[in-house]
Amino acid sequence: MKDDESFLLDDPARLKALAHPMRRLMLRHLNVHGPATSTTLGELLGAKTGTTSYHLRQLEKYGFIEEIPERSTGRERWWRKAKGPRDMRLPTPDQLAPEDRPVLAEFHRIGMDEDRVLFERFPEAYRRDPDWAKGSRGLGRMTKAEFQEFFDAYIALLMKYSHRAEDAPPDARPLHIRLFALPADED
């Protein structure tokens, strides 16, 4: 699969692996800060090493992270984010069996909780350095086909200007970037 191709995360087991708050925090840390051990992650997240080890193995099982064998020694295992598609899309509820839909709902709930924290951090980040904190709010009128085209163009733009950590220029920073849209006439 090419780097810019979209990947539908419609395997309920893989989706469930990402619908856990601890795993999401660990994966985010590996994405932003690079490799870590279960001990390091446990200290950062206030969790026991056994707990972080279990969650790291779950992330590894479903291909989201990988061990760094050349850096691991004895019982100390180093982990990094696995290479994979950068455009990972979620299934619609009708693409999942009814019994798997609660996992998708939980995935969205956890994600929105994370996003609320980011939104609360935004005013201070903007005050500190408005060159690194941007926001936009708007109202658009689109057909369903135009909205899909808009979303695909947004993802293409994100892929065009985003670098993988190993390919990023020295002055590149990791940025939280969010886009969500919902009908305005259902208020």
N, C-alpha and C. Protein backbone atom coordinates (compact mmCIF):
# COMPACT_ATOMS: atom_id res chain seq x y z
N MET A 1 0.84 -1.18 0.00
CA MET A 1 0.00 0.00 0.00
C MET A 1 0.88 1.25 0.00
N LYS A 2 0.55 2.18 -0.88
CA LYS A 2 1.32 3.41 -0.95
C LYS A 2 0.99 4.31 0.23
N ASP A 3 1.93 5.16 0.58
CA ASP A 3 1.82 6.04 1.73
C ASP A 3 0.59 6.94 1.68
N ASP A 4 0.20 7.38 0.49
CA ASP A 4 -0.90 8.33 0.39
C ASP A 4 -2.25 7.67 0.10
N GLU A 5 -2.29 6.34 0.05
CA GLU A 5 -3.56 5.65 -0.17
C GLU A 5 -4.34 5.57 1.14
N SER A 6 -5.65 5.66 1.04
CA SER A 6 -6.46 5.56 2.25
C SER A 6 -6.63 4.09 2.63
N PHE A 7 -6.78 3.87 3.91
CA PHE A 7 -6.95 2.54 4.47
C PHE A 7 -8.18 2.56 5.36
N LEU A 8 -9.12 1.66 5.09
CA LEU A 8 -10.34 1.58 5.88
C LEU A 8 -10.11 0.66 7.07
N LEU A 9 -10.22 1.21 8.25
CA LEU A 9 -10.01 0.46 9.49
C LEU A 9 -11.32 -0.22 9.87
N ASP A 10 -11.69 -1.25 9.09
CA ASP A 10 -12.98 -1.91 9.31
C ASP A 10 -12.85 -3.27 9.99
N ASP A 11 -11.65 -3.63 10.43
CA ASP A 11 -11.47 -4.85 11.20
C ASP A 11 -11.83 -4.53 12.65
N PRO A 12 -12.91 -5.10 13.17
CA PRO A 12 -13.34 -4.76 14.54
C PRO A 12 -12.26 -4.98 15.60
N ALA A 13 -11.44 -6.01 15.44
CA ALA A 13 -10.39 -6.27 16.43
C ALA A 13 -9.33 -5.16 16.41
N ARG A 14 -8.94 -4.72 15.24
CA ARG A 14 -7.96 -3.63 15.14
C ARG A 14 -8.56 -2.32 15.65
N LEU A 15 -9.83 -2.09 15.34
CA LEU A 15 -10.51 -0.89 15.82
C LEU A 15 -10.60 -0.92 17.34
N LYS A 16 -10.91 -2.08 17.90
CA LYS A 16 -10.99 -2.22 19.35
C LYS A 16 -9.64 -1.95 20.00
N ALA A 17 -8.56 -2.38 19.34
CA ALA A 17 -7.22 -2.14 19.88
C ALA A 17 -6.94 -0.64 20.01
N LEU A 18 -7.51 0.15 19.13
CA LEU A 18 -7.30 1.61 19.18
C LEU A 18 -8.37 2.33 20.00
N ALA A 19 -9.39 1.61 20.42
CA ALA A 19 -10.48 2.24 21.18
C ALA A 19 -10.24 2.11 22.68
N HIS A 20 -8.99 2.14 23.09
CA HIS A 20 -8.65 2.05 24.51
C HIS A 20 -7.83 3.28 24.87
N PRO A 21 -8.24 4.02 25.90
CA PRO A 21 -7.56 5.28 26.23
C PRO A 21 -6.06 5.14 26.49
N MET A 22 -5.64 4.12 27.21
CA MET A 22 -4.20 3.94 27.51
C MET A 22 -3.42 3.71 26.22
N ARG A 23 -3.95 2.88 25.35
CA ARG A 23 -3.25 2.58 24.09
C ARG A 23 -3.15 3.82 23.23
N ARG A 24 -4.18 4.62 23.22
CA ARG A 24 -4.14 5.85 22.42
C ARG A 24 -3.09 6.81 22.95
N LEU A 25 -2.99 6.93 24.28
CA LEU A 25 -1.97 7.79 24.87
C LEU A 25 -0.57 7.28 24.53
N MET A 26 -0.40 5.97 24.61
CA MET A 26 0.91 5.38 24.30
C MET A 26 1.27 5.59 22.83
N LEU A 27 0.32 5.35 21.96
CA LEU A 27 0.57 5.52 20.53
C LEU A 27 0.86 6.99 20.21
N ARG A 28 0.13 7.90 20.85
CA ARG A 28 0.39 9.32 20.63
C ARG A 28 1.80 9.68 21.08
N HIS A 29 2.22 9.16 22.24
CA HIS A 29 3.56 9.45 22.73
C HIS A 29 4.62 8.94 21.73
N LEU A 30 4.44 7.74 21.24
CA LEU A 30 5.40 7.19 20.27
C LEU A 30 5.39 8.00 18.98
N ASN A 31 4.23 8.48 18.57
CA ASN A 31 4.13 9.32 17.36
C ASN A 31 4.85 10.65 17.53
N VAL A 32 4.65 11.27 18.68
CA VAL A 32 5.18 12.63 18.89
C VAL A 32 6.63 12.61 19.35
N HIS A 33 6.95 11.73 20.30
CA HIS A 33 8.27 11.77 20.94
C HIS A 33 9.22 10.67 20.49
N GLY A 34 8.75 9.71 19.75
CA GLY A 34 9.61 8.65 19.26
C GLY A 34 9.65 7.45 20.19
N PRO A 35 10.62 6.56 19.98
CA PRO A 35 10.68 5.29 20.69
C PRO A 35 10.69 5.43 22.21
N ALA A 36 10.15 4.38 22.85
CA ALA A 36 10.09 4.35 24.32
C ALA A 36 9.99 2.90 24.78
N THR A 37 10.22 2.69 26.06
CA THR A 37 10.05 1.37 26.67
C THR A 37 8.75 1.37 27.47
N SER A 38 8.32 0.18 27.89
CA SER A 38 7.11 0.12 28.72
C SER A 38 7.34 0.82 30.05
N THR A 39 8.57 0.77 30.57
CA THR A 39 8.88 1.46 31.82
C THR A 39 8.75 2.97 31.65
N THR A 40 9.31 3.50 30.58
CA THR A 40 9.22 4.93 30.30
C THR A 40 7.77 5.36 30.17
N LEU A 41 7.00 4.58 29.41
CA LEU A 41 5.59 4.93 29.21
C LEU A 41 4.81 4.81 30.52
N GLY A 42 5.14 3.81 31.31
CA GLY A 42 4.47 3.65 32.61
C GLY A 42 4.71 4.85 33.51
N GLU A 43 5.95 5.33 33.54
CA GLU A 43 6.26 6.51 34.35
C GLU A 43 5.52 7.74 33.85
N LEU A 44 5.47 7.91 32.55
CA LEU A 44 4.79 9.07 31.97
C LEU A 44 3.28 9.04 32.19
N LEU A 45 2.71 7.82 32.13
CA LEU A 45 1.26 7.70 32.20
C LEU A 45 0.75 7.29 33.57
N GLY A 46 1.65 7.11 34.53
CA GLY A 46 1.23 6.71 35.86
C GLY A 46 0.66 5.31 35.91
N ALA A 47 1.25 4.40 35.15
CA ALA A 47 0.77 3.02 35.08
C ALA A 47 1.90 2.06 35.41
N LYS A 48 1.54 0.87 35.84
CA LYS A 48 2.54 -0.16 36.13
C LYS A 48 3.10 -0.71 34.83
N THR A 49 4.35 -1.16 34.90
CA THR A 49 5.03 -1.69 33.71
C THR A 49 4.28 -2.86 33.11
N GLY A 50 3.71 -3.71 33.95
CA GLY A 50 2.94 -4.85 33.44
C GLY A 50 1.76 -4.40 32.61
N THR A 51 1.11 -3.33 33.05
CA THR A 51 -0.04 -2.79 32.31
C THR A 51 0.41 -2.22 30.97
N THR A 52 1.48 -1.43 30.99
CA THR A 52 1.94 -0.84 29.73
C THR A 52 2.47 -1.92 28.79
N SER A 53 3.12 -2.94 29.34
CA SER A 53 3.61 -4.05 28.50
C SER A 53 2.46 -4.75 27.79
N TYR A 54 1.38 -5.00 28.53
CA TYR A 54 0.21 -5.66 27.94
C TYR A 54 -0.35 -4.81 26.79
N HIS A 55 -0.53 -3.52 27.03
CA HIS A 55 -1.10 -2.66 26.00
C HIS A 55 -0.16 -2.49 24.80
N LEU A 56 1.14 -2.47 25.06
CA LEU A 56 2.09 -2.42 23.94
C LEU A 56 1.99 -3.69 23.10
N ARG A 57 1.85 -4.84 23.74
CA ARG A 57 1.72 -6.09 22.98
C ARG A 57 0.44 -6.10 22.14
N GLN A 58 -0.63 -5.50 22.66
CA GLN A 58 -1.87 -5.41 21.89
C GLN A 58 -1.67 -4.51 20.66
N LEU A 59 -1.01 -3.39 20.85
CA LEU A 59 -0.73 -2.50 19.72
C LEU A 59 0.17 -3.19 18.69
N GLU A 60 1.13 -3.97 19.19
CA GLU A 60 2.01 -4.71 18.28
C GLU A 60 1.23 -5.78 17.53
N LYS A 61 0.39 -6.50 18.23
CA LYS A 61 -0.40 -7.58 17.63
C LYS A 61 -1.18 -7.11 16.41
N TYR A 62 -1.69 -5.89 16.47
CA TYR A 62 -2.51 -5.37 15.38
C TYR A 62 -1.74 -4.46 14.43
N GLY A 63 -0.41 -4.43 14.56
CA GLY A 63 0.44 -3.77 13.59
C GLY A 63 0.58 -2.27 13.73
N PHE A 64 0.24 -1.71 14.90
CA PHE A 64 0.35 -0.27 15.07
C PHE A 64 1.72 0.16 15.57
N ILE A 65 2.41 -0.73 16.27
CA ILE A 65 3.77 -0.45 16.74
C ILE A 65 4.63 -1.67 16.46
N GLU A 66 5.96 -1.48 16.61
CA GLU A 66 6.89 -2.59 16.43
C GLU A 66 8.05 -2.43 17.40
N GLU A 67 8.62 -3.56 17.74
CA GLU A 67 9.80 -3.54 18.61
C GLU A 67 11.00 -3.10 17.78
N ILE A 68 11.94 -2.45 18.45
CA ILE A 68 13.20 -2.07 17.81
C ILE A 68 14.24 -3.07 18.31
N PRO A 69 14.47 -4.16 17.58
CA PRO A 69 15.34 -5.23 18.09
C PRO A 69 16.77 -4.79 18.38
N GLU A 70 17.31 -3.92 17.55
CA GLU A 70 18.70 -3.50 17.73
C GLU A 70 18.88 -2.62 18.97
N ARG A 71 17.80 -2.10 19.51
CA ARG A 71 17.87 -1.24 20.68
C ARG A 71 17.44 -1.98 21.96
N SER A 72 16.73 -3.07 21.79
CA SER A 72 16.23 -3.84 22.92
C SER A 72 17.32 -4.75 23.47
N THR A 73 17.38 -4.85 24.80
CA THR A 73 18.35 -5.73 25.45
C THR A 73 17.69 -6.41 26.64
N GLY A 74 17.88 -7.70 26.77
CA GLY A 74 17.32 -8.42 27.91
C GLY A 74 15.82 -8.22 28.01
N ARG A 75 15.39 -7.74 29.17
CA ARG A 75 13.96 -7.52 29.38
C ARG A 75 13.51 -6.14 28.92
N GLU A 76 14.46 -5.26 28.60
CA GLU A 76 14.10 -3.92 28.16
C GLU A 76 13.83 -3.94 26.65
N ARG A 77 12.57 -3.72 26.31
CA ARG A 77 12.17 -3.71 24.90
C ARG A 77 11.81 -2.27 24.52
N TRP A 78 12.36 -1.83 23.40
CA TRP A 78 12.07 -0.51 22.88
C TRP A 78 11.03 -0.63 21.78
N TRP A 79 10.09 0.32 21.73
CA TRP A 79 8.98 0.30 20.79
C TRP A 79 8.93 1.59 19.98
N ARG A 80 8.46 1.46 18.74
CA ARG A 80 8.25 2.63 17.89
C ARG A 80 6.96 2.41 17.10
N LYS A 81 6.45 3.49 16.58
CA LYS A 81 5.26 3.40 15.73
C LYS A 81 5.66 2.64 14.47
N ALA A 82 4.82 1.71 14.06
CA ALA A 82 5.07 0.96 12.84
C ALA A 82 4.72 1.83 11.63
N LYS A 83 5.43 1.59 10.55
CA LYS A 83 5.06 2.28 9.31
C LYS A 83 3.74 1.70 8.84
N GLY A 84 2.92 2.56 8.37
CA GLY A 84 1.61 2.13 7.88
C GLY A 84 0.96 3.28 7.15
N PRO A 85 -0.25 3.09 6.73
CA PRO A 85 -0.93 4.17 6.01
C PRO A 85 -1.15 5.38 6.91
N ARG A 86 -0.93 6.55 6.35
CA ARG A 86 -1.16 7.78 7.11
C ARG A 86 -2.61 8.22 7.02
N ASP A 87 -3.31 7.79 5.99
CA ASP A 87 -4.72 8.14 5.80
C ASP A 87 -5.57 6.94 6.21
N MET A 88 -5.79 6.82 7.50
CA MET A 88 -6.58 5.72 8.03
C MET A 88 -7.99 6.22 8.29
N ARG A 89 -8.95 5.64 7.60
CA ARG A 89 -10.33 6.09 7.70
C ARG A 89 -11.18 5.07 8.45
N LEU A 90 -12.19 5.59 9.11
CA LEU A 90 -13.07 4.75 9.90
C LEU A 90 -14.25 4.28 9.06
N PRO A 91 -14.77 3.12 9.38
CA PRO A 91 -15.95 2.65 8.66
C PRO A 91 -17.19 3.42 9.11
N THR A 92 -18.20 3.39 8.29
CA THR A 92 -19.51 3.90 8.71
C THR A 92 -20.17 2.78 9.50
N PRO A 93 -21.11 3.12 10.37
CA PRO A 93 -21.74 2.06 11.17
C PRO A 93 -22.30 0.91 10.34
N ASP A 94 -22.86 1.22 9.16
CA ASP A 94 -23.43 0.14 8.34
C ASP A 94 -22.37 -0.77 7.72
N GLN A 95 -21.10 -0.40 7.79
CA GLN A 95 -20.02 -1.25 7.30
C GLN A 95 -19.56 -2.26 8.36
N LEU A 96 -20.11 -2.17 9.55
CA LEU A 96 -19.77 -3.08 10.64
C LEU A 96 -21.00 -3.89 11.02
N ALA A 97 -20.76 -5.07 11.54
CA ALA A 97 -21.85 -5.88 12.07
C ALA A 97 -22.45 -5.15 13.27
N PRO A 98 -23.75 -5.30 13.51
CA PRO A 98 -24.38 -4.59 14.64
C PRO A 98 -23.65 -4.77 15.97
N GLU A 99 -23.12 -5.95 16.22
CA GLU A 99 -22.43 -6.19 17.50
C GLU A 99 -21.09 -5.48 17.59
N ASP A 100 -20.54 -5.02 16.46
CA ASP A 100 -19.25 -4.31 16.46
C ASP A 100 -19.41 -2.79 16.48
N ARG A 101 -20.60 -2.29 16.31
CA ARG A 101 -20.83 -0.85 16.25
C ARG A 101 -20.51 -0.13 17.56
N PRO A 102 -20.73 -0.75 18.73
CA PRO A 102 -20.34 -0.06 19.97
C PRO A 102 -18.84 0.26 20.05
N VAL A 103 -18.00 -0.55 19.42
CA VAL A 103 -16.56 -0.28 19.41
C VAL A 103 -16.29 1.01 18.63
N LEU A 104 -16.98 1.19 17.52
CA LEU A 104 -16.83 2.42 16.73
C LEU A 104 -17.31 3.62 17.53
N ALA A 105 -18.43 3.47 18.24
CA ALA A 105 -18.94 4.56 19.06
C ALA A 105 -17.95 4.90 20.18
N GLU A 106 -17.34 3.89 20.78
CA GLU A 106 -16.35 4.12 21.84
C GLU A 106 -15.10 4.81 21.27
N PHE A 107 -14.69 4.39 20.09
CA PHE A 107 -13.55 5.02 19.41
C PHE A 107 -13.82 6.52 19.25
N HIS A 108 -15.01 6.87 18.76
CA HIS A 108 -15.37 8.28 18.58
C HIS A 108 -15.44 9.01 19.92
N ARG A 109 -16.01 8.38 20.94
CA ARG A 109 -16.14 9.02 22.25
C ARG A 109 -14.77 9.36 22.83
N ILE A 110 -13.86 8.40 22.79
CA ILE A 110 -12.52 8.63 23.32
C ILE A 110 -11.82 9.74 22.51
N GLY A 111 -11.96 9.69 21.20
CA GLY A 111 -11.36 10.72 20.36
C GLY A 111 -11.88 12.11 20.65
N MET A 112 -13.18 12.23 20.86
CA MET A 112 -13.75 13.54 21.16
C MET A 112 -13.30 14.03 22.55
N ASP A 113 -13.15 13.10 23.50
CA ASP A 113 -12.61 13.50 24.81
C ASP A 113 -11.20 14.07 24.64
N GLU A 114 -10.39 13.41 23.83
CA GLU A 114 -9.03 13.90 23.56
C GLU A 114 -9.09 15.28 22.90
N ASP A 115 -10.00 15.43 21.94
CA ASP A 115 -10.12 16.69 21.22
C ASP A 115 -10.59 17.82 22.12
N ARG A 116 -11.47 17.54 23.08
CA ARG A 116 -11.90 18.58 24.02
C ARG A 116 -10.71 19.13 24.80
N VAL A 117 -9.80 18.24 25.20
CA VAL A 117 -8.60 18.67 25.91
C VAL A 117 -7.76 19.59 25.01
N LEU A 118 -7.62 19.21 23.75
CA LEU A 118 -6.86 20.06 22.82
C LEU A 118 -7.53 21.41 22.63
N PHE A 119 -8.84 21.43 22.49
CA PHE A 119 -9.56 22.70 22.33
C PHE A 119 -9.37 23.59 23.54
N GLU A 120 -9.33 23.00 24.72
CA GLU A 120 -9.11 23.78 25.93
C GLU A 120 -7.70 24.35 25.99
N ARG A 121 -6.75 23.65 25.39
CA ARG A 121 -5.36 24.12 25.36
C ARG A 121 -5.13 25.20 24.31
N PHE A 122 -6.02 25.29 23.32
CA PHE A 122 -5.80 26.16 22.18
C PHE A 122 -5.58 27.64 22.55
N PRO A 123 -6.44 28.27 23.37
CA PRO A 123 -6.22 29.71 23.63
C PRO A 123 -4.82 30.02 24.19
N GLU A 124 -4.33 29.19 25.09
CA GLU A 124 -2.99 29.43 25.65
C GLU A 124 -1.91 29.21 24.59
N ALA A 125 -2.06 28.17 23.78
CA ALA A 125 -1.08 27.92 22.71
C ALA A 125 -1.07 29.09 21.72
N TYR A 126 -2.23 29.62 21.42
CA TYR A 126 -2.33 30.76 20.50
C TYR A 126 -1.70 32.01 21.11
N ARG A 127 -1.93 32.22 22.40
CA ARG A 127 -1.33 33.37 23.08
C ARG A 127 0.19 33.27 23.06
N ARG A 128 0.72 32.07 23.33
CA ARG A 128 2.18 31.86 23.38
C ARG A 128 2.83 32.07 22.03
N ASP A 129 2.24 31.50 20.97
CA ASP A 129 2.88 31.57 19.66
C ASP A 129 1.85 31.39 18.55
N PRO A 130 1.22 32.48 18.12
CA PRO A 130 0.17 32.37 17.11
C PRO A 130 0.66 31.86 15.75
N ASP A 131 1.98 31.86 15.54
CA ASP A 131 2.49 31.28 14.29
C ASP A 131 2.37 29.76 14.29
N TRP A 132 2.24 29.14 15.47
CA TRP A 132 2.16 27.69 15.59
C TRP A 132 0.78 27.21 16.04
N ALA A 133 -0.16 28.08 16.22
CA ALA A 133 -1.52 27.69 16.61
C ALA A 133 -2.50 28.43 15.71
N LYS A 134 -3.20 27.69 14.90
CA LYS A 134 -4.16 28.29 13.98
C LYS A 134 -5.53 27.65 14.20
N GLY A 135 -6.55 28.44 14.02
CA GLY A 135 -7.90 27.93 14.15
C GLY A 135 -8.78 28.52 13.06
N SER A 136 -9.79 27.77 12.73
CA SER A 136 -10.74 28.24 11.73
C SER A 136 -12.10 27.65 12.06
N ARG A 137 -13.09 28.48 11.94
CA ARG A 137 -14.46 28.02 12.11
C ARG A 137 -15.25 28.59 10.95
N GLY A 138 -16.14 27.82 10.45
CA GLY A 138 -16.91 28.33 9.33
C GLY A 138 -18.19 27.55 9.12
N LEU A 139 -18.96 28.02 8.19
CA LEU A 139 -20.19 27.36 7.78
C LEU A 139 -20.14 27.25 6.27
N GLY A 140 -20.31 26.08 5.77
CA GLY A 140 -20.31 25.87 4.33
C GLY A 140 -21.61 25.21 3.91
N ARG A 141 -21.96 25.38 2.67
CA ARG A 141 -23.12 24.70 2.11
C ARG A 141 -22.62 23.84 0.96
N MET A 142 -22.82 22.55 1.07
CA MET A 142 -22.30 21.61 0.08
C MET A 142 -23.30 20.49 -0.13
N THR A 143 -23.23 19.90 -1.31
CA THR A 143 -23.97 18.66 -1.53
C THR A 143 -23.16 17.53 -0.90
N LYS A 144 -23.75 16.37 -0.78
CA LYS A 144 -23.03 15.24 -0.22
C LYS A 144 -21.79 14.91 -1.06
N ALA A 145 -21.93 14.98 -2.39
CA ALA A 145 -20.79 14.70 -3.27
C ALA A 145 -19.70 15.77 -3.11
N GLU A 146 -20.09 17.03 -3.01
CA GLU A 146 -19.11 18.10 -2.81
C GLU A 146 -18.42 17.97 -1.46
N PHE A 147 -19.19 17.58 -0.44
CA PHE A 147 -18.59 17.40 0.88
C PHE A 147 -17.56 16.28 0.86
N GLN A 148 -17.84 15.18 0.16
CA GLN A 148 -16.87 14.09 0.05
C GLN A 148 -15.62 14.56 -0.69
N GLU A 149 -15.81 15.34 -1.75
CA GLU A 149 -14.68 15.89 -2.50
C GLU A 149 -13.86 16.84 -1.63
N PHE A 150 -14.54 17.67 -0.83
CA PHE A 150 -13.87 18.57 0.11
C PHE A 150 -13.04 17.77 1.10
N PHE A 151 -13.61 16.74 1.68
CA PHE A 151 -12.90 15.93 2.67
C PHE A 151 -11.68 15.26 2.04
N ASP A 152 -11.83 14.69 0.86
CA ASP A 152 -10.70 14.05 0.19
C ASP A 152 -9.60 15.06 -0.13
N ALA A 153 -9.98 16.28 -0.51
CA ALA A 153 -8.99 17.33 -0.80
C ALA A 153 -8.27 17.74 0.49
N TYR A 154 -9.01 17.81 1.59
CA TYR A 154 -8.40 18.13 2.88
C TYR A 154 -7.35 17.08 3.25
N ILE A 155 -7.70 15.79 3.12
CA ILE A 155 -6.76 14.72 3.43
C ILE A 155 -5.54 14.80 2.51
N ALA A 156 -5.76 15.06 1.23
CA ALA A 156 -4.64 15.19 0.29
C ALA A 156 -3.74 16.34 0.68
N LEU A 157 -4.31 17.45 1.11
CA LEU A 157 -3.53 18.60 1.54
C LEU A 157 -2.74 18.27 2.81
N LEU A 158 -3.37 17.58 3.73
CA LEU A 158 -2.69 17.15 4.95
C LEU A 158 -1.50 16.24 4.61
N MET A 159 -1.70 15.29 3.71
CA MET A 159 -0.62 14.38 3.31
C MET A 159 0.50 15.13 2.58
N LYS A 160 0.14 16.12 1.79
CA LYS A 160 1.14 16.89 1.03
C LYS A 160 2.10 17.63 1.96
N TYR A 161 1.57 18.21 3.04
CA TYR A 161 2.39 19.04 3.90
C TYR A 161 2.88 18.36 5.17
N SER A 162 2.47 17.13 5.41
CA SER A 162 2.90 16.41 6.61
C SER A 162 4.05 15.46 6.27
N HIS A 163 4.97 15.36 7.20
CA HIS A 163 6.12 14.47 7.03
C HIS A 163 6.05 13.36 8.06
N ARG A 164 6.54 12.21 7.71
CA ARG A 164 6.77 11.18 8.71
C ARG A 164 7.93 11.67 9.58
N ALA A 165 7.99 11.24 10.80
CA ALA A 165 9.02 11.72 11.73
C ALA A 165 10.42 11.56 11.15
N GLU A 166 10.68 10.41 10.53
CA GLU A 166 12.04 10.15 10.02
C GLU A 166 12.38 10.98 8.78
N ASP A 167 11.38 11.56 8.12
CA ASP A 167 11.62 12.35 6.91
C ASP A 167 11.44 13.86 7.12
N ALA A 168 11.11 14.26 8.34
CA ALA A 168 10.79 15.66 8.61
C ALA A 168 12.04 16.53 8.62
N PRO A 169 11.93 17.76 8.12
CA PRO A 169 13.05 18.70 8.23
C PRO A 169 13.33 19.00 9.70
N PRO A 170 14.55 19.46 10.01
CA PRO A 170 14.91 19.70 11.41
C PRO A 170 14.01 20.69 12.14
N ASP A 171 13.43 21.66 11.42
CA ASP A 171 12.59 22.65 12.09
C ASP A 171 11.10 22.28 12.10
N ALA A 172 10.77 21.07 11.67
CA ALA A 172 9.36 20.62 11.69
C ALA A 172 8.96 20.23 13.10
N ARG A 173 7.72 20.53 13.45
CA ARG A 173 7.18 20.17 14.76
C ARG A 173 5.96 19.28 14.56
N PRO A 174 5.70 18.39 15.50
CA PRO A 174 4.44 17.64 15.42
C PRO A 174 3.28 18.57 15.79
N LEU A 175 2.22 18.51 15.05
CA LEU A 175 1.06 19.37 15.28
C LEU A 175 -0.19 18.52 15.41
N HIS A 176 -1.06 18.86 16.35
CA HIS A 176 -2.39 18.26 16.42
C HIS A 176 -3.23 18.99 15.39
N ILE A 177 -3.78 18.27 14.43
CA ILE A 177 -4.62 18.87 13.40
C ILE A 177 -5.95 18.13 13.42
N ARG A 178 -7.02 18.86 13.53
CA ARG A 178 -8.35 18.26 13.61
C ARG A 178 -9.27 18.90 12.58
N LEU A 179 -10.11 18.09 11.99
CA LEU A 179 -11.20 18.57 11.16
C LEU A 179 -12.41 17.73 11.52
N PHE A 180 -13.48 18.39 11.86
CA PHE A 180 -14.72 17.67 11.99
C PHE A 180 -15.83 18.56 11.44
N ALA A 181 -16.78 17.93 10.86
CA ALA A 181 -17.90 18.65 10.26
C ALA A 181 -19.16 17.87 10.55
N LEU A 182 -20.23 18.58 10.75
CA LEU A 182 -21.53 17.95 10.97
C LEU A 182 -22.60 18.89 10.50
N PRO A 183 -23.78 18.36 10.19
CA PRO A 183 -24.85 19.22 9.69
C PRO A 183 -25.23 20.32 10.68
N ALA A 184 -25.37 21.54 10.17
CA ALA A 184 -25.72 22.68 11.02
C ALA A 184 -27.23 22.84 11.17
N ASP A 185 -28.00 22.19 10.30
CA ASP A 185 -29.44 22.37 10.36
C ASP A 185 -30.15 21.33 11.23
N GLU A 186 -29.38 20.62 12.05
CA GLU A 186 -29.97 19.65 12.97
C GLU A 186 -29.88 20.12 14.42
N ASP A 187 -29.61 21.43 14.62
CA ASP A 187 -29.49 21.99 15.97
C ASP A 187 -30.83 21.98 16.68
